[in-house]
Amino acid sequence: MPLYEFRCENSHLHELLLSMSAADRTAPCPECGSAATRLVSSPALGHLGSERARLLDRTAASAHAPAVVDQVPGPGSARPARTSHDPRHARLPRP
């Protein structure tokens, strides 16, 4: 459920968790009891975890400056082929 921010006539701010289908544009202020109207606010991107924030940064950076390979990988970078010692694998068709 999203978190909505409300402000009353006396400038008290409070937040409410409401379902997205809720059409409530007003709510009673918990401090003074007057009617509070819902504010339009930005999403809380600062509450993202550090991994999520780094992923967003990498995604945005790769859109305008993609990584470019500038040299051929050396022979030591290839992983050796995995060999199975299971006798059932010997009967499988070979490419």
Protein backbone atom coordinates (compact mmCIF):
# COMPACT_ATOMS: atom_id res chain seq x y z
CA MET A 1 0.00 0.00 0.00
CA PRO A 2 1.34 3.44 -0.84
CA LEU A 3 2.09 6.06 1.76
CA TYR A 4 0.21 9.33 1.21
CA GLU A 5 1.08 12.69 2.77
CA PHE A 6 -1.62 15.01 4.13
CA ARG A 7 -1.56 18.63 5.35
CA CYS A 8 -4.29 20.27 7.43
CA GLU A 9 -5.40 23.90 7.57
CA ASN A 10 -3.04 24.44 10.54
CA SER A 11 -0.05 23.17 8.48
CA HIS A 12 0.33 19.91 10.38
CA LEU A 13 1.80 17.16 8.19
CA HIS A 14 0.99 13.50 8.60
CA GLU A 15 1.16 10.34 6.51
CA LEU A 16 -1.37 7.56 5.95
CA LEU A 17 -1.11 4.14 4.35
CA LEU A 18 -4.06 3.81 1.98
CA SER A 19 -4.87 1.36 -0.76
CA MET A 20 -4.30 2.59 -4.31
CA SER A 21 -8.01 2.32 -5.01
CA ALA A 22 -8.89 4.70 -2.16
CA ALA A 23 -10.34 7.90 -3.55
CA ASP A 24 -9.98 9.76 -0.24
CA ARG A 25 -8.61 13.22 -0.88
CA THR A 26 -9.17 14.33 2.72
CA ALA A 27 -8.52 12.79 6.13
CA PRO A 28 -8.85 14.09 9.68
CA CYS A 29 -5.65 15.54 11.15
CA PRO A 30 -4.45 13.46 14.13
CA GLU A 31 -3.11 16.58 15.90
CA CYS A 32 -5.96 19.11 15.63
CA GLY A 33 -8.84 17.13 14.11
CA SER A 34 -9.42 19.48 11.17
CA ALA A 35 -9.73 18.25 7.58
CA ALA A 36 -6.39 17.55 5.90
CA THR A 37 -5.95 17.40 2.12
CA ARG A 38 -3.76 14.94 0.31
CA LEU A 39 -0.54 16.37 -1.14
CA VAL A 40 1.17 15.47 -4.38
CA SER A 41 4.65 14.34 -3.40
CA SER A 42 7.60 12.63 -5.01
CA PRO A 43 8.24 8.91 -4.46
CA ALA A 44 10.60 8.00 -1.64
CA LEU A 45 13.56 6.90 -3.76
CA GLY A 46 15.89 7.63 -0.88
CA HIS A 47 14.47 4.61 0.93
CA LEU A 48 15.83 2.23 -1.66
CA GLY A 49 18.53 -0.09 -0.45
CA SER A 50 22.07 0.60 -1.49
CA GLU A 51 22.03 -2.34 -3.94
CA ARG A 52 18.90 -1.01 -5.63
CA ALA A 53 20.32 2.51 -5.83
CA ARG A 54 23.56 1.21 -7.38
CA LEU A 55 21.56 -0.82 -9.91
CA LEU A 56 19.57 2.26 -10.91
CA ASP A 57 22.78 4.28 -11.25
CA ARG A 58 24.45 1.59 -13.39
CA THR A 59 21.38 1.30 -15.59
CA ALA A 60 21.21 5.05 -16.13
CA ALA A 61 24.96 5.26 -16.82
CA SER A 62 24.91 2.44 -19.37
CA ALA A 63 22.15 4.15 -21.36
CA HIS A 64 24.40 6.98 -22.51
CA ALA A 65 27.88 5.51 -21.95
CA PRO A 66 27.87 1.75 -22.55
CA ALA A 67 30.95 -0.27 -21.63
CA VAL A 68 33.22 -0.94 -24.64
CA VAL A 69 35.63 -3.86 -24.97
CA ASP A 70 38.98 -2.43 -26.03
CA GLN A 71 41.09 -5.60 -26.07
CA VAL A 72 40.84 -9.31 -26.80
CA PRO A 73 40.54 -11.42 -23.65
CA GLY A 74 43.62 -13.40 -22.75
CA PRO A 75 43.83 -17.21 -22.97
CA GLY A 76 43.62 -17.62 -19.20
CA SER A 77 40.18 -16.06 -18.95
CA ALA A 78 38.28 -19.03 -20.50
CA ARG A 79 36.88 -21.56 -18.07
CA PRO A 80 37.79 -25.19 -18.64
CA ALA A 81 35.09 -27.46 -20.04
CA ARG A 82 33.13 -29.26 -17.36
CA THR A 83 33.56 -33.02 -17.55
CA SER A 84 30.94 -35.37 -16.20
CA HIS A 85 31.86 -38.80 -14.93
CA ASP A 86 28.28 -40.03 -14.90
CA PRO A 87 28.02 -43.12 -17.18
CA ARG A 88 24.50 -42.09 -18.31
CA HIS A 89 25.96 -38.97 -19.93
CA ALA A 90 28.15 -41.07 -22.25
CA ARG A 91 24.99 -42.32 -24.04
CA LEU A 92 23.67 -38.83 -24.79
CA PRO A 93 23.81 -37.68 -28.42
CA ARG A 94 26.78 -35.47 -29.27
CA PRO A 95 26.41 -32.25 -31.29
